[in-house]
Amino acid sequence: MEFPQIPTDNLYKFMALSGLALFIAFILIPGQKILDLERQTAQLSGEYEILQIELSEREDEFSLVREKIVALKDKIKMVPENSHLKKSESSEFLSELHAVENAHQSAHEKLVQTNIFRAKTKAKNKEMKVVADSIRVTNRALAFGALLGIFLMTFGFRLWHQRVQLLQDRLLRLQVETGAPNPPLNSDPTATVS
């Protein structure tokens, strides 16, 4: 029983061209994904910097209100308990007290907002780390795919050249030297000419 021979010529060429296609695909496709991820990283980085600036401004504002409160407490401590303030001093003191109370209320609201901004900043930072990890994974896939493509391409072309093309070249030289007619297209190139 004789098994049909596999057309190795086509197999090696297929392997080589598949390797070339893999190499090109792993250069182009992940490259576009990396570009998209880098754009996203740049956008997240900008948003992160804006949140950091806003956070810093709010913390500065809150510390100024705290300083005002401390200064007012110090002023209250300086006034003796049983002293009678003049009417103008009393109204000035009360207006200052109301201003500080309003500032304190505003600072408290801003403190809540500051904590929200802190949470947003942490979330943006985590999101940037996830994007950076995605870029690393994509780079590894790119390297693996490109190396696999190069390996298949090199191996396929080498096998095709060594096992098929060299034999076909020898056969062609023999045919030219002996003046023999071309063999039929379906024949095996490794078979001997009779």
C-alpha atoms as a PDB file:
ATOM      1  CA  MET A   1       0.000   0.000   0.000  1.00  0.00           C
ATOM      2  CA  GLU A   2       1.477   3.304  -1.051  1.00  0.00           C
ATOM      3  CA  PHE A   3       0.503   6.556   0.650  1.00  0.00           C
ATOM      4  CA  PRO A   4       0.285   9.712  -1.379  1.00  0.00           C
ATOM      5  CA  GLN A   5       3.153  12.089  -0.756  1.00  0.00           C
ATOM      6  CA  ILE A   6       2.463  15.381   0.940  1.00  0.00           C
ATOM      7  CA  PRO A   7       3.343  18.320  -1.298  1.00  0.00           C
ATOM      8  CA  THR A   8       6.196  19.537   0.906  1.00  0.00           C
ATOM      9  CA  ASP A   9       6.974  22.399  -1.443  1.00  0.00           C
ATOM     10  CA  ASN A  10       3.656  24.026  -0.604  1.00  0.00           C
ATOM     11  CA  LEU A  11       3.950  23.139   3.086  1.00  0.00           C
ATOM     12  CA  TYR A  12       7.309  24.872   3.524  1.00  0.00           C
ATOM     13  CA  LYS A  13       6.160  27.894   1.573  1.00  0.00           C
ATOM     14  CA  PHE A  14       2.991  27.980   3.651  1.00  0.00           C
ATOM     15  CA  MET A  15       5.059  27.835   6.850  1.00  0.00           C
ATOM     16  CA  ALA A  16       7.348  30.611   5.638  1.00  0.00           C
ATOM     17  CA  LEU A  17       4.537  32.871   4.462  1.00  0.00           C
ATOM     18  CA  SER A  18       2.543  32.223   7.649  1.00  0.00           C
ATOM     19  CA  GLY A  19       5.576  33.265   9.665  1.00  0.00           C
ATOM     20  CA  LEU A  20       5.898  36.418   7.595  1.00  0.00           C
ATOM     21  CA  ALA A  21       2.187  37.175   8.072  1.00  0.00           C
ATOM     22  CA  LEU A  22       2.479  36.597  11.827  1.00  0.00           C
ATOM     23  CA  PHE A  23       5.497  38.873  12.028  1.00  0.00           C
ATOM     24  CA  ILE A  24       3.704  41.676  10.166  1.00  0.00           C
ATOM     25  CA  ALA A  25       0.497  41.203  12.153  1.00  0.00           C
ATOM     26  CA  PHE A  26       2.302  41.305  15.491  1.00  0.00           C
ATOM     27  CA  ILE A  27       4.115  44.466  14.476  1.00  0.00           C
ATOM     28  CA  LEU A  28       1.076  46.381  13.187  1.00  0.00           C
ATOM     29  CA  ILE A  29      -1.841  45.324  15.388  1.00  0.00           C
ATOM     30  CA  PRO A  30      -0.231  45.604  18.861  1.00  0.00           C
ATOM     31  CA  GLY A  31       1.553  48.743  17.722  1.00  0.00           C
ATOM     32  CA  GLN A  32      -1.825  50.412  17.195  1.00  0.00           C
ATOM     33  CA  LYS A  33      -3.073  49.149  20.556  1.00  0.00           C
ATOM     34  CA  ILE A  34       0.041  50.470  22.287  1.00  0.00           C
ATOM     35  CA  LEU A  35      -0.483  53.843  20.621  1.00  0.00           C
ATOM     36  CA  ASP A  36      -4.090  53.933  21.890  1.00  0.00           C
ATOM     37  CA  LEU A  37      -2.976  52.948  25.416  1.00  0.00           C
ATOM     38  CA  GLU A  38      -0.255  55.592  25.423  1.00  0.00           C
ATOM     39  CA  ARG A  39      -2.827  58.233  24.414  1.00  0.00           C
ATOM     40  CA  GLN A  40      -5.053  57.066  27.250  1.00  0.00           C
ATOM     41  CA  THR A  41      -2.097  57.229  29.651  1.00  0.00           C
ATOM     42  CA  ALA A  42      -1.324  60.790  28.568  1.00  0.00           C
ATOM     43  CA  GLN A  43      -4.953  61.808  29.083  1.00  0.00           C
ATOM     44  CA  LEU A  44      -5.099  60.148  32.511  1.00  0.00           C
ATOM     45  CA  SER A  45      -1.808  61.750  33.459  1.00  0.00           C
ATOM     46  CA  GLY A  46      -3.175  65.189  32.591  1.00  0.00           C
ATOM     47  CA  GLU A  47      -6.349  64.577  34.592  1.00  0.00           C
ATOM     48  CA  TYR A  48      -4.239  63.308  37.495  1.00  0.00           C
ATOM     49  CA  GLU A  49      -2.098  66.469  37.483  1.00  0.00           C
ATOM     50  CA  ILE A  50      -5.205  68.681  37.399  1.00  0.00           C
ATOM     51  CA  LEU A  51      -6.671  66.802  40.368  1.00  0.00           C
ATOM     52  CA  GLN A  52      -3.360  67.152  42.242  1.00  0.00           C
ATOM     53  CA  ILE A  53      -3.373  70.938  41.688  1.00  0.00           C
ATOM     54  CA  GLU A  54      -7.002  71.238  42.798  1.00  0.00           C
ATOM     55  CA  LEU A  55      -6.251  69.126  45.848  1.00  0.00           C
ATOM     56  CA  SER A  56      -3.274  71.289  46.759  1.00  0.00           C
ATOM     57  CA  GLU A  57      -5.347  74.491  46.367  1.00  0.00           C
ATOM     58  CA  ARG A  58      -8.119  73.138  48.577  1.00  0.00           C
ATOM     59  CA  GLU A  59      -5.662  72.022  51.246  1.00  0.00           C
ATOM     60  CA  ASP A  60      -4.048  75.494  51.241  1.00  0.00           C
ATOM     61  CA  GLU A  61      -7.462  77.131  51.551  1.00  0.00           C
ATOM     62  CA  PHE A  62      -8.413  74.833  54.410  1.00  0.00           C
ATOM     63  CA  SER A  63      -5.181  75.562  56.277  1.00  0.00           C
ATOM     64  CA  LEU A  64      -5.815  79.337  55.929  1.00  0.00           C
ATOM     65  CA  VAL A  65      -9.252  78.917  57.508  1.00  0.00           C
ATOM     66  CA  ARG A  66      -7.707  76.903  60.331  1.00  0.00           C
ATOM     67  CA  GLU A  67      -5.197  79.686  60.938  1.00  0.00           C
ATOM     68  CA  LYS A  68      -8.071  82.212  61.119  1.00  0.00           C
ATOM     69  CA  ILE A  69      -9.881  80.010  63.620  1.00  0.00           C
ATOM     70  CA  VAL A  70      -6.751  79.693  65.767  1.00  0.00           C
ATOM     71  CA  ALA A  71      -6.208  83.462  65.610  1.00  0.00           C
ATOM     72  CA  LEU A  72      -9.824  84.106  66.654  1.00  0.00           C
ATOM     73  CA  LYS A  73      -9.536  81.614  69.526  1.00  0.00           C
ATOM     74  CA  ASP A  74      -6.396  83.390  70.662  1.00  0.00           C
ATOM     75  CA  LYS A  75      -8.247  86.718  70.482  1.00  0.00           C
ATOM     76  CA  ILE A  76     -11.110  85.264  72.549  1.00  0.00           C
ATOM     77  CA  LYS A  77      -8.661  84.020  75.190  1.00  0.00           C
ATOM     78  CA  MET A  78      -7.155  87.507  75.469  1.00  0.00           C
ATOM     79  CA  VAL A  79     -10.499  89.076  76.399  1.00  0.00           C
ATOM     80  CA  PRO A  80     -11.139  88.731  80.140  1.00  0.00           C
ATOM     81  CA  GLU A  81     -14.360  86.969  81.088  1.00  0.00           C
ATOM     82  CA  ASN A  82     -15.978  89.777  83.034  1.00  0.00           C
ATOM     83  CA  SER A  83     -14.789  92.671  80.873  1.00  0.00           C
ATOM     84  CA  HIS A  84     -17.326  94.735  79.078  1.00  0.00           C
ATOM     85  CA  LEU A  85     -16.592  95.428  75.453  1.00  0.00           C
ATOM     86  CA  LYS A  86     -17.564  98.691  73.865  1.00  0.00           C
ATOM     87  CA  LYS A  87     -20.447  98.496  71.458  1.00  0.00           C
ATOM     88  CA  SER A  88     -18.186  99.022  68.409  1.00  0.00           C
ATOM     89  CA  GLU A  89     -15.712  96.401  69.630  1.00  0.00           C
ATOM     90  CA  SER A  90     -18.579  94.027  70.350  1.00  0.00           C
ATOM     91  CA  SER A  91     -20.114  94.381  66.887  1.00  0.00           C
ATOM     92  CA  GLU A  92     -16.647  94.082  65.291  1.00  0.00           C
ATOM     93  CA  PHE A  93     -15.965  90.975  67.328  1.00  0.00           C
ATOM     94  CA  LEU A  94     -19.354  89.455  66.421  1.00  0.00           C
ATOM     95  CA  SER A  95     -18.919  90.179  62.712  1.00  0.00           C
ATOM     96  CA  GLU A  96     -15.475  88.605  62.848  1.00  0.00           C
ATOM     97  CA  LEU A  97     -16.935  85.634  64.683  1.00  0.00           C
ATOM     98  CA  HIS A  98     -19.645  85.212  62.016  1.00  0.00           C
ATOM     99  CA  ALA A  99     -17.073  85.518  59.251  1.00  0.00           C
ATOM    100  CA  VAL A 100     -14.934  82.832  60.844  1.00  0.00           C
ATOM    101  CA  GLU A 101     -17.975  80.601  61.390  1.00  0.00           C
ATOM    102  CA  ASN A 102     -18.907  80.994  57.729  1.00  0.00           C
ATOM    103  CA  ALA A 103     -15.308  80.342  56.735  1.00  0.00           C
ATOM    104  CA  HIS A 104     -15.296  77.273  58.985  1.00  0.00           C
ATOM    105  CA  GLN A 105     -18.507  75.969  57.394  1.00  0.00           C
ATOM    106  CA  SER A 106     -17.088  76.633  53.934  1.00  0.00           C
ATOM    107  CA  ALA A 107     -13.816  74.954  54.908  1.00  0.00           C
ATOM    108  CA  HIS A 108     -15.718  71.933  56.170  1.00  0.00           C
ATOM    109  CA  GLU A 109     -17.578  71.644  52.850  1.00  0.00           C
ATOM    110  CA  LYS A 110     -14.319  72.052  50.986  1.00  0.00           C
ATOM    111  CA  LEU A 111     -12.720  69.422  53.193  1.00  0.00           C
ATOM    112  CA  VAL A 112     -15.421  66.978  52.108  1.00  0.00           C
ATOM    113  CA  GLN A 113     -14.781  67.979  48.487  1.00  0.00           C
ATOM    114  CA  THR A 114     -11.045  67.579  49.093  1.00  0.00           C
ATOM    115  CA  ASN A 115     -11.584  64.033  50.302  1.00  0.00           C
ATOM    116  CA  ILE A 116     -13.642  63.352  47.184  1.00  0.00           C
ATOM    117  CA  PHE A 117     -10.807  64.775  45.086  1.00  0.00           C
ATOM    118  CA  ARG A 118      -8.341  62.541  46.932  1.00  0.00           C
ATOM    119  CA  ALA A 119     -10.459  59.517  46.087  1.00  0.00           C
ATOM    120  CA  LYS A 120     -10.680  60.606  42.438  1.00  0.00           C
ATOM    121  CA  THR A 121      -6.918  61.138  42.340  1.00  0.00           C
ATOM    122  CA  LYS A 122      -6.287  57.665  43.752  1.00  0.00           C
ATOM    123  CA  ALA A 123      -8.701  56.177  41.219  1.00  0.00           C
ATOM    124  CA  LYS A 124      -6.942  57.965  38.336  1.00  0.00           C
ATOM    125  CA  ASN A 125      -3.589  56.757  39.636  1.00  0.00           C
ATOM    126  CA  LYS A 126      -4.855  53.159  39.756  1.00  0.00           C
ATOM    127  CA  GLU A 127      -6.315  53.525  36.271  1.00  0.00           C
ATOM    128  CA  MET A 128      -2.936  54.760  35.002  1.00  0.00           C
ATOM    129  CA  LYS A 129      -1.250  51.712  36.543  1.00  0.00           C
ATOM    130  CA  VAL A 130      -3.745  49.387  34.830  1.00  0.00           C
ATOM    131  CA  VAL A 131      -3.064  51.065  31.489  1.00  0.00           C
ATOM    132  CA  ALA A 132       0.700  50.784  32.063  1.00  0.00           C
ATOM    133  CA  ASP A 133       0.281  47.071  32.832  1.00  0.00           C
ATOM    134  CA  SER A 134      -1.747  46.668  29.633  1.00  0.00           C
ATOM    135  CA  ILE A 135       1.093  48.261  27.688  1.00  0.00           C
ATOM    136  CA  ARG A 136       3.600  45.848  29.256  1.00  0.00           C
ATOM    137  CA  VAL A 137       1.437  42.818  28.431  1.00  0.00           C
ATOM    138  CA  THR A 138       0.916  44.061  24.879  1.00  0.00           C
ATOM    139  CA  ASN A 139       4.668  44.548  24.463  1.00  0.00           C
ATOM    140  CA  ARG A 140       5.289  40.984  25.623  1.00  0.00           C
ATOM    141  CA  ALA A 141       2.673  39.640  23.200  1.00  0.00           C
ATOM    142  CA  LEU A 142       4.266  41.704  20.459  1.00  0.00           C
ATOM    143  CA  ALA A 143       7.705  40.285  21.192  1.00  0.00           C
ATOM    144  CA  PHE A 144       6.417  36.702  21.388  1.00  0.00           C
ATOM    145  CA  GLY A 145       4.393  36.962  18.175  1.00  0.00           C
ATOM    146  CA  ALA A 146       7.201  38.652  16.275  1.00  0.00           C
ATOM    147  CA  LEU A 147       9.725  36.030  17.413  1.00  0.00           C
ATOM    148  CA  LEU A 148       7.330  33.214  16.507  1.00  0.00           C
ATOM    149  CA  GLY A 149       6.793  34.781  13.090  1.00  0.00           C
ATOM    150  CA  ILE A 150      10.530  35.174  12.503  1.00  0.00           C
ATOM    151  CA  PHE A 151      11.133  31.567  13.576  1.00  0.00           C
ATOM    152  CA  LEU A 152       8.424  30.144  11.307  1.00  0.00           C
ATOM    153  CA  MET A 153       9.500  32.307   8.410  1.00  0.00           C
ATOM    154  CA  THR A 154      13.186  31.408   8.737  1.00  0.00           C
ATOM    155  CA  PHE A 155      12.542  27.713   9.319  1.00  0.00           C
ATOM    156  CA  GLY A 156      10.028  27.459   6.476  1.00  0.00           C
ATOM    157  CA  PHE A 157      12.211  29.243   3.937  1.00  0.00           C
ATOM    158  CA  ARG A 158      15.267  27.224   4.984  1.00  0.00           C
ATOM    159  CA  LEU A 159      13.418  23.898   4.681  1.00  0.00           C
ATOM    160  CA  TRP A 160      11.914  24.923   1.367  1.00  0.00           C
ATOM    161  CA  HIS A 161      15.315  25.939   0.021  1.00  0.00           C
ATOM    162  CA  GLN A 162      17.247  22.923   1.327  1.00  0.00           C
ATOM    163  CA  ARG A 163      14.726  20.155   0.716  1.00  0.00           C
ATOM    164  CA  VAL A 164      12.879  21.370  -2.357  1.00  0.00           C
ATOM    165  CA  GLN A 165      14.547  24.179  -4.242  1.00  0.00           C
ATOM    166  CA  LEU A 166      18.060  22.679  -4.293  1.00  0.00           C
ATOM    167  CA  LEU A 167      16.675  19.404  -5.703  1.00  0.00           C
ATOM    168  CA  GLN A 168      14.642  21.250  -8.303  1.00  0.00           C
ATOM    169  CA  ASP A 169      17.713  23.258  -9.310  1.00  0.00           C
ATOM    170  CA  ARG A 170      19.774  20.048  -9.686  1.00  0.00           C
ATOM    171  CA  LEU A 171      17.025  18.417 -11.719  1.00  0.00           C
ATOM    172  CA  LEU A 172      16.782  21.452 -13.960  1.00  0.00           C
ATOM    173  CA  ARG A 173      20.575  21.445 -14.504  1.00  0.00           C
ATOM    174  CA  LEU A 174      20.487  17.749 -15.377  1.00  0.00           C
ATOM    175  CA  GLN A 175      17.670  18.338 -17.819  1.00  0.00           C
ATOM    176  CA  VAL A 176      19.535  21.201 -19.469  1.00  0.00           C
ATOM    177  CA  GLU A 177      22.781  19.195 -19.657  1.00  0.00           C
ATOM    178  CA  THR A 178      21.164  16.049 -21.055  1.00  0.00           C
ATOM    179  CA  GLY A 179      18.566  17.821 -23.167  1.00  0.00           C
ATOM    180  CA  ALA A 180      15.783  15.729 -21.580  1.00  0.00           C
ATOM    181  CA  PRO A 181      12.194  17.006 -21.871  1.00  0.00           C
ATOM    182  CA  ASN A 182      10.479  18.591 -18.873  1.00  0.00           C
ATOM    183  CA  PRO A 183       8.783  16.055 -16.596  1.00  0.00           C
ATOM    184  CA  PRO A 184       4.991  16.256 -16.195  1.00  0.00           C
ATOM    185  CA  LEU A 185       3.738  18.774 -13.599  1.00  0.00           C
ATOM    186  CA  ASN A 186       2.363  16.087 -11.264  1.00  0.00           C
ATOM    187  CA  SER A 187       5.592  14.156 -10.938  1.00  0.00           C
ATOM    188  CA  ASP A 188       7.807  13.989  -7.877  1.00  0.00           C
ATOM    189  CA  PRO A 189      10.896  16.223  -8.256  1.00  0.00           C
ATOM    190  CA  THR A 190      12.985  13.790  -6.198  1.00  0.00           C
ATOM    191  CA  ALA A 191      12.186  10.825  -8.458  1.00  0.00           C
ATOM    192  CA  THR A 192      14.886   9.668 -10.853  1.00  0.00           C
ATOM    193  CA  VAL A 193      14.572  10.379 -14.541  1.00  0.00           C
ATOM    194  CA  SER A 194      14.313   7.158 -16.582  1.00  0.00           C
END
